[in-house]
Amino acid sequence: MFDTRNGEEERPYAFDPLVEPEYFRGVLSRRFMAFLIDTVIICVPVGMAALLIFIFGFLTFGLGWFLFSLLGPGYVVWALVYVGLTLGGPRSATLGMRAMGIEMRVWHGAPMTPMLAVVSLVLFWVSVSVFTPFITIIGLLNRRKRLAHDFIIGTVVTNNDERAGELRGYR
């Protein structure tokens, strides 16, 4: 299609849930499980750092415990780097998403960029803290299983090609 407003070609959605339902089957539950896996991957190193700071505090007669003030910012930086490198990488999926066979793409099918991945993470946490139960309800009410932050930044989470191929075989 050609968009006459700005002379650029319009891009259709990459996957149509009516034509290719296998790309959207089970995505919300897999997305939740991927979230749990990624939460563990992000929290374990921070927990180990907290344990090291705790021990270091005893060795320094309490002075090392001032390093606990760096845990909060360190947690945020680690989460942003993790998501930027994995979700913003060539496979467009965090380690949890890869384990669950899903990936996040721009609405027209292009892979994620590191900056878009970081923006997605920030908007996810903002939307969760503001609209807690409603973000999942939004995912249940649309065919592409998109959450609030997906609509804002123009992304969609689908089953990856391997999983979609497996589901296609079960028809």
Protein backbone atom coordinates (compact mmCIF):
# COMPACT_ATOMS: atom_id res chain seq x y z
CA MET A 1 0.00 0.00 0.00
CA PHE A 2 1.10 3.55 -0.60
CA ASP A 3 0.33 6.30 1.89
CA THR A 4 -0.34 9.51 0.00
CA ARG A 5 -0.08 11.72 3.09
CA ASN A 6 3.71 11.60 3.31
CA GLY A 7 4.71 9.62 0.23
CA GLU A 8 5.87 6.57 2.20
CA GLU A 9 4.78 3.00 1.85
CA GLU A 10 2.48 1.78 4.62
CA ARG A 11 3.60 -1.41 6.30
CA PRO A 12 0.93 -3.91 7.31
CA TYR A 13 1.04 -5.71 10.63
CA ALA A 14 3.56 -8.53 10.53
CA PHE A 15 1.17 -11.19 11.81
CA ASP A 16 -2.58 -11.33 11.52
CA PRO A 17 -4.19 -13.25 14.40
CA LEU A 18 -7.06 -14.31 12.16
CA VAL A 19 -4.83 -15.72 9.41
CA GLU A 20 -1.94 -16.93 11.61
CA PRO A 21 -3.40 -17.65 15.06
CA GLU A 22 -0.44 -19.88 15.97
CA TYR A 23 1.69 -16.77 16.48
CA PHE A 24 -0.60 -15.62 19.31
CA ARG A 25 -1.74 -18.88 20.93
CA GLY A 26 -0.67 -19.00 24.59
CA VAL A 27 1.37 -15.81 24.38
CA LEU A 28 0.03 -14.16 27.55
CA SER A 29 0.72 -17.14 29.81
CA ARG A 30 4.16 -17.66 28.26
CA ARG A 31 4.86 -13.97 28.65
CA PHE A 32 4.05 -14.21 32.37
CA MET A 33 6.37 -17.21 32.81
CA ALA A 34 9.12 -15.40 30.88
CA PHE A 35 8.67 -12.43 33.21
CA LEU A 36 9.22 -14.70 36.23
CA ILE A 37 12.35 -16.24 34.69
CA ASP A 38 13.76 -12.81 33.83
CA THR A 39 12.97 -11.55 37.32
CA VAL A 40 15.08 -14.36 38.80
CA ILE A 41 17.89 -13.66 36.32
CA ILE A 42 17.90 -9.99 37.33
CA CYS A 43 17.45 -10.51 41.09
CA VAL A 44 20.02 -13.28 41.70
CA PRO A 45 23.11 -11.13 40.93
CA VAL A 46 21.66 -8.28 43.01
CA GLY A 47 21.04 -10.71 45.89
CA MET A 48 24.58 -12.02 45.62
CA ALA A 49 25.90 -8.45 45.69
CA ALA A 50 23.81 -7.78 48.81
CA LEU A 51 25.30 -10.86 50.49
CA LEU A 52 28.84 -9.74 49.61
CA ILE A 53 28.14 -6.25 50.96
CA PHE A 54 26.75 -7.78 54.14
CA ILE A 55 29.89 -9.85 54.68
CA PHE A 56 32.12 -6.94 53.68
CA GLY A 57 30.35 -4.81 56.29
CA PHE A 58 31.44 -7.18 59.05
CA LEU A 59 35.01 -7.17 57.78
CA THR A 60 35.10 -3.37 57.77
CA PHE A 61 33.35 -2.98 61.16
CA GLY A 62 30.19 -1.62 59.56
CA LEU A 63 31.70 0.81 57.07
CA GLY A 64 31.10 -1.52 54.12
CA TRP A 65 27.37 -1.46 54.78
CA PHE A 66 27.24 2.00 53.25
CA LEU A 67 27.53 0.17 49.92
CA PHE A 68 23.93 -0.98 50.39
CA SER A 69 22.93 2.46 49.11
CA LEU A 70 24.32 1.42 45.70
CA LEU A 71 22.10 -1.65 45.42
CA GLY A 72 18.98 0.23 44.26
CA PRO A 73 20.70 2.11 41.44
CA GLY A 74 22.74 -0.99 40.62
CA TYR A 75 19.54 -3.03 40.32
CA VAL A 76 18.03 -0.50 37.90
CA VAL A 77 21.19 -0.29 35.79
CA TRP A 78 21.54 -4.09 35.66
CA ALA A 79 17.89 -4.52 34.60
CA LEU A 80 18.22 -1.89 31.87
CA VAL A 81 21.47 -3.40 30.56
CA TYR A 82 20.04 -6.95 30.65
CA VAL A 83 16.90 -5.96 28.74
CA GLY A 84 18.79 -3.70 26.34
CA LEU A 85 21.25 -6.45 25.40
CA THR A 86 18.81 -9.37 25.25
CA LEU A 87 15.47 -7.93 24.14
CA GLY A 88 17.28 -5.35 22.03
CA GLY A 89 19.54 -8.01 20.54
CA PRO A 90 19.21 -9.89 17.26
CA ARG A 91 16.74 -12.45 18.67
CA SER A 92 14.42 -9.76 20.11
CA ALA A 93 13.87 -11.81 23.26
CA THR A 94 15.16 -11.91 26.82
CA LEU A 95 16.48 -15.22 28.16
CA GLY A 96 13.09 -15.89 29.77
CA MET A 97 11.30 -15.16 26.51
CA ARG A 98 13.66 -17.49 24.62
CA ALA A 99 12.96 -20.23 27.15
CA MET A 100 9.21 -19.75 26.57
CA GLY A 101 9.49 -19.57 22.77
CA ILE A 102 8.28 -15.98 22.37
CA GLU A 103 9.77 -12.79 20.99
CA MET A 104 8.92 -9.11 20.86
CA ARG A 105 8.87 -7.29 17.55
CA VAL A 106 7.87 -3.89 16.27
CA TRP A 107 4.26 -4.09 15.01
CA HIS A 108 5.37 -4.50 11.39
CA GLY A 109 7.80 -7.33 12.18
CA ALA A 110 11.14 -5.53 12.49
CA PRO A 111 13.40 -6.67 15.36
CA MET A 112 13.71 -4.64 18.53
CA THR A 113 16.49 -2.12 19.03
CA PRO A 114 18.30 -1.73 22.36
CA MET A 115 16.74 1.71 22.95
CA LEU A 116 13.23 0.46 22.17
CA ALA A 117 13.81 -2.47 24.52
CA VAL A 118 14.81 -0.14 27.35
CA VAL A 119 11.81 2.13 26.68
CA SER A 120 9.59 -0.97 26.72
CA LEU A 121 10.95 -1.96 30.14
CA VAL A 122 10.48 1.51 31.60
CA LEU A 123 6.92 1.80 30.23
CA PHE A 124 6.13 -1.70 31.51
CA TRP A 125 7.15 -0.78 35.05
CA VAL A 126 5.30 2.54 34.88
CA SER A 127 2.14 0.88 33.56
CA VAL A 128 2.35 -1.90 36.16
CA SER A 129 2.72 0.57 39.01
CA VAL A 130 -0.12 2.79 37.78
CA PHE A 131 -2.62 0.36 36.23
CA THR A 132 -1.68 -2.93 37.94
CA PRO A 133 -4.52 -5.33 37.13
CA PHE A 134 -5.67 -3.50 34.04
CA ILE A 135 -2.59 -4.16 31.92
CA THR A 136 -3.39 -7.88 31.79
CA ILE A 137 -7.06 -7.23 31.10
CA ILE A 138 -6.02 -5.20 28.06
CA GLY A 139 -4.08 -8.25 26.81
CA LEU A 140 -7.18 -10.42 27.13
CA LEU A 141 -9.35 -8.00 25.17
CA ASN A 142 -7.38 -7.69 21.92
CA ARG A 143 -6.56 -10.25 19.26
CA ARG A 144 -2.81 -9.60 19.26
CA LYS A 145 -2.54 -10.04 23.07
CA ARG A 146 -0.82 -6.65 23.41
CA LEU A 147 -0.46 -4.95 26.78
CA ALA A 148 -0.76 -1.21 27.44
CA HIS A 149 2.91 -0.42 26.91
CA ASP A 150 2.92 -2.46 23.68
CA PHE A 151 0.27 -0.14 22.24
CA ILE A 152 2.21 2.96 23.31
CA ILE A 153 5.50 1.98 21.67
CA GLY A 154 4.11 -0.09 18.80
CA THR A 155 5.34 -3.58 19.67
CA VAL A 156 3.80 -7.02 19.68
CA VAL A 157 4.86 -10.25 21.43
CA THR A 158 4.39 -13.41 19.37
CA ASN A 159 5.45 -17.01 19.46
CA ASN A 160 8.77 -17.36 17.66
CA ASP A 161 8.87 -19.11 14.29
CA GLU A 162 9.87 -22.46 15.78
CA ARG A 163 7.02 -22.50 18.28
CA ALA A 164 4.54 -21.22 15.70
CA GLY A 165 5.66 -24.02 13.38
CA GLU A 166 5.04 -26.57 16.12
CA LEU A 167 1.57 -25.14 16.78
CA ARG A 168 0.83 -25.05 13.06
CA GLY A 169 1.47 -28.78 12.95
CA TYR A 170 -1.19 -29.39 15.61
CA ARG A 171 -4.06 -27.94 13.53
